Amino acid sequence: AWLIGTNKGAWTLRKDARGAWQASEPWFLGQRVHHLIQDHRGEGTLLATVSTGHLGPTIQRSIDGGRTWTEVQQ
C-alpha cells in the first residue's frame, strides 16, 4: 500500500484482487498533510503531521490503521 499526504488531505492506495489501484476514504480532508508514515513498531499505527493553517502544525496518531486519529500531546 502507498501512503499519500497532500495539501488537500491524505489517502492510501492499494491494489485490489484484479490489480487495479483503489484509493481509501480521505483523512484530514482539506488540510495539509506534510508527512504520513507507518510506525513499524506497532501494527496498524500511523503518524501524520497535519497543518490546518490557522491552528499550526500538529502530529496525529492512529493505532487502528487510520479509522480514528488523536493528536499527540508530547
PDB file of N, CA and C in Angstrom:
ATOM      1  N   ALA A   1       0.840  -1.185   0.000  1.00  0.00           N
ATOM      2  CA  ALA A   1       0.000   0.000   0.000  1.00  0.00           C
ATOM      3  C   ALA A   1       0.881   1.243   0.000  1.00  0.00           C
ATOM      4  N   TRP A   2       0.379   2.287  -0.613  1.00  0.00           N
ATOM      5  CA  TRP A   2       1.051   3.578  -0.631  1.00  0.00           C
ATOM      6  C   TRP A   2       0.314   4.520   0.301  1.00  0.00           C
ATOM      7  N   LEU A   3       1.057   5.277   1.104  1.00  0.00           N
ATOM      8  CA  LEU A   3       0.506   6.329   1.951  1.00  0.00           C
ATOM      9  C   LEU A   3       0.808   7.654   1.257  1.00  0.00           C
ATOM     10  N   ILE A   4      -0.218   8.464   1.024  1.00  0.00           N
ATOM     11  CA  ILE A   4      -0.058   9.690   0.258  1.00  0.00           C
ATOM     12  C   ILE A   4      -0.571  10.875   1.066  1.00  0.00           C
ATOM     13  N   GLY A   5       0.323  11.820   1.351  1.00  0.00           N
ATOM     14  CA  GLY A   5      -0.050  13.062   2.012  1.00  0.00           C
ATOM     15  C   GLY A   5       0.039  14.204   1.018  1.00  0.00           C
ATOM     16  N   THR A   6      -0.979  15.075   0.994  1.00  0.00           N
ATOM     17  CA  THR A   6      -1.024  16.177   0.035  1.00  0.00           C
ATOM     18  C   THR A   6      -1.460  17.461   0.743  1.00  0.00           C
ATOM     19  N   ASN A   7      -1.569  18.539  -0.013  1.00  0.00           N
ATOM     20  CA  ASN A   7      -2.091  19.800   0.522  1.00  0.00           C
ATOM     21  C   ASN A   7      -3.601  19.751   0.736  1.00  0.00           C
ATOM     22  N   LYS A   8      -4.257  18.689   0.295  1.00  0.00           N
ATOM     23  CA  LYS A   8      -5.713  18.559   0.386  1.00  0.00           C
ATOM     24  C   LYS A   8      -6.159  17.387   1.263  1.00  0.00           C
ATOM     25  N   GLY A   9      -5.229  16.738   1.960  1.00  0.00           N
ATOM     26  CA  GLY A   9      -5.577  15.605   2.813  1.00  0.00           C
ATOM     27  C   GLY A   9      -4.636  14.437   2.577  1.00  0.00           C
ATOM     28  N   ALA A  10      -5.048  13.241   3.028  1.00  0.00           N
ATOM     29  CA  ALA A  10      -4.223  12.043   2.895  1.00  0.00           C
ATOM     30  C   ALA A  10      -5.082  10.854   2.504  1.00  0.00           C
ATOM     31  N   TRP A  11      -4.454   9.888   1.825  1.00  0.00           N
ATOM     32  CA  TRP A  11      -5.134   8.684   1.361  1.00  0.00           C
ATOM     33  C   TRP A  11      -4.164   7.521   1.383  1.00  0.00           C
ATOM     34  N   THR A  12      -4.703   6.320   1.245  1.00  0.00           N
ATOM     35  CA  THR A  12      -3.876   5.157   0.931  1.00  0.00           C
ATOM     36  C   THR A  12      -4.299   4.647  -0.441  1.00  0.00           C
ATOM     37  N   LEU A  13      -3.351   4.097  -1.155  1.00  0.00           N
ATOM     38  CA  LEU A  13      -3.632   3.415  -2.419  1.00  0.00           C
ATOM     39  C   LEU A  13      -3.239   1.954  -2.259  1.00  0.00           C
ATOM     40  N   ARG A  14      -4.153   1.064  -2.618  1.00  0.00           N
ATOM     41  CA  ARG A  14      -3.900  -0.376  -2.550  1.00  0.00           C
ATOM     42  C   ARG A  14      -4.376  -1.018  -3.840  1.00  0.00           C
ATOM     43  N   LYS A  15      -3.731  -2.115  -4.201  1.00  0.00           N
ATOM     44  CA  LYS A  15      -4.183  -2.878  -5.357  1.00  0.00           C
ATOM     45  C   LYS A  15      -5.255  -3.862  -4.909  1.00  0.00           C
ATOM     46  N   ASP A  16      -6.329  -3.943  -5.693  1.00  0.00           N
ATOM     47  CA  ASP A  16      -7.376  -4.910  -5.390  1.00  0.00           C
ATOM     48  C   ASP A  16      -7.029  -6.259  -6.015  1.00  0.00           C
ATOM     49  N   ALA A  17      -7.921  -7.219  -5.908  1.00  0.00           N
ATOM     50  CA  ALA A  17      -7.672  -8.571  -6.409  1.00  0.00           C
ATOM     51  C   ALA A  17      -7.409  -8.603  -7.914  1.00  0.00           C
ATOM     52  N   ARG A  18      -7.957  -7.630  -8.642  1.00  0.00           N
ATOM     53  CA  ARG A  18      -7.754  -7.572 -10.102  1.00  0.00           C
ATOM     54  C   ARG A  18      -6.503  -6.798 -10.497  1.00  0.00           C
ATOM     55  N   GLY A  19      -5.823  -6.225  -9.508  1.00  0.00           N
ATOM     56  CA  GLY A  19      -4.616  -5.456  -9.798  1.00  0.00           C
ATOM     57  C   GLY A  19      -4.858  -3.987 -10.048  1.00  0.00           C
ATOM     58  N   ALA A  20      -6.091  -3.526  -9.879  1.00  0.00           N
ATOM     59  CA  ALA A  20      -6.414  -2.107 -10.070  1.00  0.00           C
ATOM     60  C   ALA A  20      -6.173  -1.353  -8.754  1.00  0.00           C
ATOM     61  N   TRP A  21      -5.693  -0.120  -8.859  1.00  0.00           N
ATOM     62  CA  TRP A  21      -5.449   0.698  -7.677  1.00  0.00           C
ATOM     63  C   TRP A  21      -6.766   1.235  -7.131  1.00  0.00           C
ATOM     64  N   GLN A  22      -6.937   1.165  -5.827  1.00  0.00           N
ATOM     65  CA  GLN A  22      -8.123   1.682  -5.146  1.00  0.00           C
ATOM     66  C   GLN A  22      -7.685   2.668  -4.069  1.00  0.00           C
ATOM     67  N   ALA A  23      -8.281   3.845  -4.042  1.00  0.00           N
ATOM     68  CA  ALA A  23      -7.980   4.859  -3.031  1.00  0.00           C
ATOM     69  C   ALA A  23      -8.915   4.686  -1.836  1.00  0.00           C
ATOM     70  N   SER A  24      -8.377   4.942  -0.656  1.00  0.00           N
ATOM     71  CA  SER A  24      -9.187   4.886   0.564  1.00  0.00           C
ATOM     72  C   SER A  24     -10.026   6.159   0.691  1.00  0.00           C
ATOM     73  N   GLU A  25     -10.876   6.180   1.682  1.00  0.00           N
ATOM     74  CA  GLU A  25     -11.560   7.417   2.044  1.00  0.00           C
ATOM     75  C   GLU A  25     -10.491   8.387   2.558  1.00  0.00           C
ATOM     76  N   PRO A  26     -10.661   9.687   2.336  1.00  0.00           N
ATOM     77  CA  PRO A  26      -9.623  10.641   2.734  1.00  0.00           C
ATOM     78  C   PRO A  26      -9.552  10.841   4.247  1.00  0.00           C
ATOM     79  N   TRP A  27      -8.355  11.120   4.701  1.00  0.00           N
ATOM     80  CA  TRP A  27      -8.118  11.553   6.077  1.00  0.00           C
ATOM     81  C   TRP A  27      -7.755  13.022   6.031  1.00  0.00           C
ATOM     82  N   PHE A  28      -8.177  13.799   7.003  1.00  0.00           N
ATOM     83  CA  PHE A  28      -7.819  15.219   7.128  1.00  0.00           C
ATOM     84  C   PHE A  28      -8.160  16.007   5.872  1.00  0.00           C
ATOM     85  N   LEU A  29      -9.318  15.768   5.329  1.00  0.00           N
ATOM     86  CA  LEU A  29      -9.739  16.398   4.077  1.00  0.00           C
ATOM     87  C   LEU A  29      -9.638  17.920   4.174  1.00  0.00           C
ATOM     88  N   GLY A  30      -8.969  18.530   3.204  1.00  0.00           N
ATOM     89  CA  GLY A  30      -8.804  19.974   3.151  1.00  0.00           C
ATOM     90  C   GLY A  30      -7.652  20.500   3.980  1.00  0.00           C
ATOM     91  N   GLN A  31      -6.921  19.622   4.667  1.00  0.00           N
ATOM     92  CA  GLN A  31      -5.789  20.047   5.486  1.00  0.00           C
ATOM     93  C   GLN A  31      -4.486  19.584   4.840  1.00  0.00           C
ATOM     94  N   ARG A  32      -3.405  20.292   5.119  1.00  0.00           N
ATOM     95  CA  ARG A  32      -2.094  19.912   4.591  1.00  0.00           C
ATOM     96  C   ARG A  32      -1.523  18.776   5.420  1.00  0.00           C
ATOM     97  N   VAL A  33      -1.186  17.697   4.756  1.00  0.00           N
ATOM     98  CA  VAL A  33      -0.535  16.556   5.411  1.00  0.00           C
ATOM     99  C   VAL A  33       0.889  16.510   4.869  1.00  0.00           C
ATOM    100  N   HIS A  34       1.830  16.968   5.692  1.00  0.00           N
ATOM    101  CA  HIS A  34       3.214  17.084   5.250  1.00  0.00           C
ATOM    102  C   HIS A  34       3.942  15.744   5.241  1.00  0.00           C
ATOM    103  N   HIS A  35       3.679  14.923   6.241  1.00  0.00           N
ATOM    104  CA  HIS A  35       4.311  13.608   6.344  1.00  0.00           C
ATOM    105  C   HIS A  35       3.260  12.598   6.786  1.00  0.00           C
ATOM    106  N   LEU A  36       3.373  11.387   6.272  1.00  0.00           N
ATOM    107  CA  LEU A  36       2.458  10.302   6.642  1.00  0.00           C
ATOM    108  C   LEU A  36       3.273   9.017   6.609  1.00  0.00           C
ATOM    109  N   ILE A  37       3.432   8.383   7.773  1.00  0.00           N
ATOM    110  CA  ILE A  37       4.256   7.180   7.846  1.00  0.00           C
ATOM    111  C   ILE A  37       3.559   6.103   8.662  1.00  0.00           C
ATOM    112  N   GLN A  38       3.964   4.869   8.413  1.00  0.00           N
ATOM    113  CA  GLN A  38       3.517   3.754   9.232  1.00  0.00           C
ATOM    114  C   GLN A  38       4.618   3.460  10.229  1.00  0.00           C
ATOM    115  N   ASP A  39       4.259   3.366  11.499  1.00  0.00           N
ATOM    116  CA  ASP A  39       5.203   3.021  12.556  1.00  0.00           C
ATOM    117  C   ASP A  39       5.297   1.505  12.609  1.00  0.00           C
ATOM    118  N   HIS A  40       6.415   0.963  12.223  1.00  0.00           N
ATOM    119  CA  HIS A  40       6.573  -0.485  12.134  1.00  0.00           C
ATOM    120  C   HIS A  40       6.684  -1.155  13.506  1.00  0.00           C
ATOM    121  N   ARG A  41       6.775  -0.363  14.583  1.00  0.00           N
ATOM    122  CA  ARG A  41       6.823  -0.959  15.915  1.00  0.00           C
ATOM    123  C   ARG A  41       5.455  -1.443  16.369  1.00  0.00           C
ATOM    124  N   GLY A  42       4.388  -0.885  15.786  1.00  0.00           N
ATOM    125  CA  GLY A  42       3.042  -1.281  16.170  1.00  0.00           C
ATOM    126  C   GLY A  42       2.192  -1.471  14.938  1.00  0.00           C
ATOM    127  N   GLU A  43       1.709  -2.680  14.725  1.00  0.00           N
ATOM    128  CA  GLU A  43       0.894  -2.948  13.542  1.00  0.00           C
ATOM    129  C   GLU A  43      -0.355  -2.074  13.561  1.00  0.00           C
ATOM    130  N   GLY A  44      -0.602  -1.379  12.459  1.00  0.00           N
ATOM    131  CA  GLY A  44      -1.764  -0.510  12.359  1.00  0.00           C
ATOM    132  C   GLY A  44      -1.534   0.904  12.867  1.00  0.00           C
ATOM    133  N   THR A  45      -0.315   1.205  13.351  1.00  0.00           N
ATOM    134  CA  THR A  45      -0.031   2.538  13.869  1.00  0.00           C
ATOM    135  C   THR A  45       0.480   3.436  12.748  1.00  0.00           C
ATOM    136  N   LEU A  46      -0.201   4.569  12.564  1.00  0.00           N
ATOM    137  CA  LEU A  46       0.181   5.561  11.558  1.00  0.00           C
ATOM    138  C   LEU A  46       0.441   6.882  12.259  1.00  0.00           C
ATOM    139  N   LEU A  47       1.378   7.667  11.728  1.00  0.00           N
ATOM    140  CA  LEU A  47       1.672   9.002  12.230  1.00  0.00           C
ATOM    141  C   LEU A  47       1.579   9.983  11.077  1.00  0.00           C
ATOM    142  N   ALA A  48       0.996  11.149  11.338  1.00  0.00           N
ATOM    143  CA  ALA A  48       0.848  12.173  10.303  1.00  0.00           C
ATOM    144  C   ALA A  48       1.145  13.539  10.899  1.00  0.00           C
ATOM    145  N   THR A  49       1.839  14.378  10.137  1.00  0.00           N
ATOM    146  CA  THR A  49       1.970  15.780  10.509  1.00  0.00           C
ATOM    147  C   THR A  49       0.949  16.548   9.676  1.00  0.00           C
ATOM    148  N   VAL A  50       0.078  17.270  10.373  1.00  0.00           N
ATOM    149  CA  VAL A  50      -1.069  17.915   9.738  1.00  0.00           C
ATOM    150  C   VAL A  50      -1.083  19.396  10.110  1.00  0.00           C
ATOM    151  N   SER A  51      -1.359  20.249   9.129  1.00  0.00           N
ATOM    152  CA  SER A  51      -1.445  21.686   9.371  1.00  0.00           C
ATOM    153  C   SER A  51      -2.758  22.211   8.817  1.00  0.00           C
ATOM    154  N   THR A  52      -3.530  22.881   9.677  1.00  0.00           N
ATOM    155  CA  THR A  52      -4.788  23.466   9.237  1.00  0.00           C
ATOM    156  C   THR A  52      -4.612  24.912   8.787  1.00  0.00           C
ATOM    157  N   GLY A  53      -3.445  25.466   9.008  1.00  0.00           N
ATOM    158  CA  GLY A  53      -3.202  26.858   8.638  1.00  0.00           C
ATOM    159  C   GLY A  53      -3.367  27.773   9.826  1.00  0.00           C
ATOM    160  N   HIS A  54      -4.573  27.876  10.368  1.00  0.00           N
ATOM    161  CA  HIS A  54      -4.814  28.803  11.462  1.00  0.00           C
ATOM    162  C   HIS A  54      -4.442  28.236  12.829  1.00  0.00           C
ATOM    163  N   LEU A  55      -4.372  26.915  12.986  1.00  0.00           N
ATOM    164  CA  LEU A  55      -4.001  26.322  14.268  1.00  0.00           C
ATOM    165  C   LEU A  55      -2.545  25.870  14.314  1.00  0.00           C
ATOM    166  N   GLY A  56      -1.859  25.898  13.188  1.00  0.00           N
ATOM    167  CA  GLY A  56      -0.473  25.469  13.137  1.00  0.00           C
ATOM    168  C   GLY A  56      -0.352  23.962  12.999  1.00  0.00           C
ATOM    169  N   PRO A  57       0.877  23.473  12.975  1.00  0.00           N
ATOM    170  CA  PRO A  57       1.098  22.044  12.752  1.00  0.00           C
ATOM    171  C   PRO A  57       0.817  21.204  13.989  1.00  0.00           C
ATOM    172  N   THR A  58       0.353  19.990  13.748  1.00  0.00           N
ATOM    173  CA  THR A  58       0.135  19.020  14.820  1.00  0.00           C
ATOM    174  C   THR A  58       0.631  17.656  14.344  1.00  0.00           C
ATOM    175  N   ILE A  59       0.859  16.775  15.287  1.00  0.00           N
ATOM    176  CA  ILE A  59       1.164  15.386  14.971  1.00  0.00           C
ATOM    177  C   ILE A  59      -0.041  14.566  15.390  1.00  0.00           C
ATOM    178  N   GLN A  60      -0.542  13.763  14.476  1.00  0.00           N
ATOM    179  CA  GLN A  60      -1.707  12.916  14.719  1.00  0.00           C
ATOM    180  C   GLN A  60      -1.277  11.457  14.703  1.00  0.00           C
ATOM    181  N   ARG A  61      -1.896  10.627  15.559  1.00  0.00           N
ATOM    182  CA  ARG A  61      -1.575   9.202  15.620  1.00  0.00           C
ATOM    183  C   ARG A  61      -2.850   8.378  15.491  1.00  0.00           C
ATOM    184  N   SER A  62      -2.752   7.315  14.712  1.00  0.00           N
ATOM    185  CA  SER A  62      -3.828   6.331  14.612  1.00  0.00           C
ATOM    186  C   SER A  62      -3.247   4.979  14.986  1.00  0.00           C
ATOM    187  N   ILE A  63      -3.926   4.255  15.862  1.00  0.00           N
ATOM    188  CA  ILE A  63      -3.457   2.913  16.232  1.00  0.00           C
ATOM    189  C   ILE A  63      -4.349   1.835  15.622  1.00  0.00           C
ATOM    190  N   ASP A  64      -5.303   2.263  14.797  1.00  0.00           N
ATOM    191  CA  ASP A  64      -6.231   1.304  14.186  1.00  0.00           C
ATOM    192  C   ASP A  64      -6.245   1.399  12.659  1.00  0.00           C
ATOM    193  N   GLY A  65      -5.086   1.707  12.085  1.00  0.00           N
ATOM    194  CA  GLY A  65      -4.973   1.733  10.629  1.00  0.00           C
ATOM    195  C   GLY A  65      -5.634   2.917   9.955  1.00  0.00           C
ATOM    196  N   GLY A  66      -5.908   3.986  10.698  1.00  0.00           N
ATOM    197  CA  GLY A  66      -6.485   5.194  10.121  1.00  0.00           C
ATOM    198  C   GLY A  66      -7.977   5.361  10.345  1.00  0.00           C
ATOM    199  N   ARG A  67      -8.615   4.448  11.070  1.00  0.00           N
ATOM    200  CA  ARG A  67     -10.053   4.616  11.334  1.00  0.00           C
ATOM    201  C   ARG A  67     -10.314   5.783  12.267  1.00  0.00           C
ATOM    202  N   THR A  68      -9.459   5.952  13.273  1.00  0.00           N
ATOM    203  CA  THR A  68      -9.581   7.091  14.196  1.00  0.00           C
ATOM    204  C   THR A  68      -8.205   7.709  14.394  1.00  0.00           C
ATOM    205  N   TRP A  69      -8.187   9.008  14.675  1.00  0.00           N
ATOM    206  CA  TRP A  69      -6.952   9.749  14.859  1.00  0.00           C
ATOM    207  C   TRP A  69      -7.043  10.573  16.134  1.00  0.00           C
ATOM    208  N   THR A  70      -5.913  10.717  16.849  1.00  0.00           N
ATOM    209  CA  THR A  70      -5.833  11.579  18.013  1.00  0.00           C
ATOM    210  C   THR A  70      -4.556  12.410  17.920  1.00  0.00           C
ATOM    211  N   GLU A  71      -4.621  13.622  18.448  1.00  0.00           N
ATOM    212  CA  GLU A  71      -3.457  14.481  18.435  1.00  0.00           C
ATOM    213  C   GLU A  71      -2.463  14.016  19.496  1.00  0.00           C
ATOM    214  N   VAL A  72      -1.190  13.945  19.106  1.00  0.00           N
ATOM    215  CA  VAL A  72      -0.129  13.554  20.036  1.00  0.00           C
ATOM    216  C   VAL A  72       0.155  14.747  20.942  1.00  0.00           C
ATOM    217  N   GLN A  73       0.132  14.526  22.252  1.00  0.00           N
ATOM    218  CA  GLN A  73       0.339  15.628  23.195  1.00  0.00           C
ATOM    219  C   GLN A  73       1.812  15.885  23.490  1.00  0.00           C
ATOM    220  N   GLN A  74       2.639  14.847  23.416  1.00  0.00           N
ATOM    221  CA  GLN A  74       4.068  15.010  23.704  1.00  0.00           C
ATOM    222  C   GLN A  74       4.879  14.334  22.641  1.00  0.00           C
TER     223      GLN A  74
END
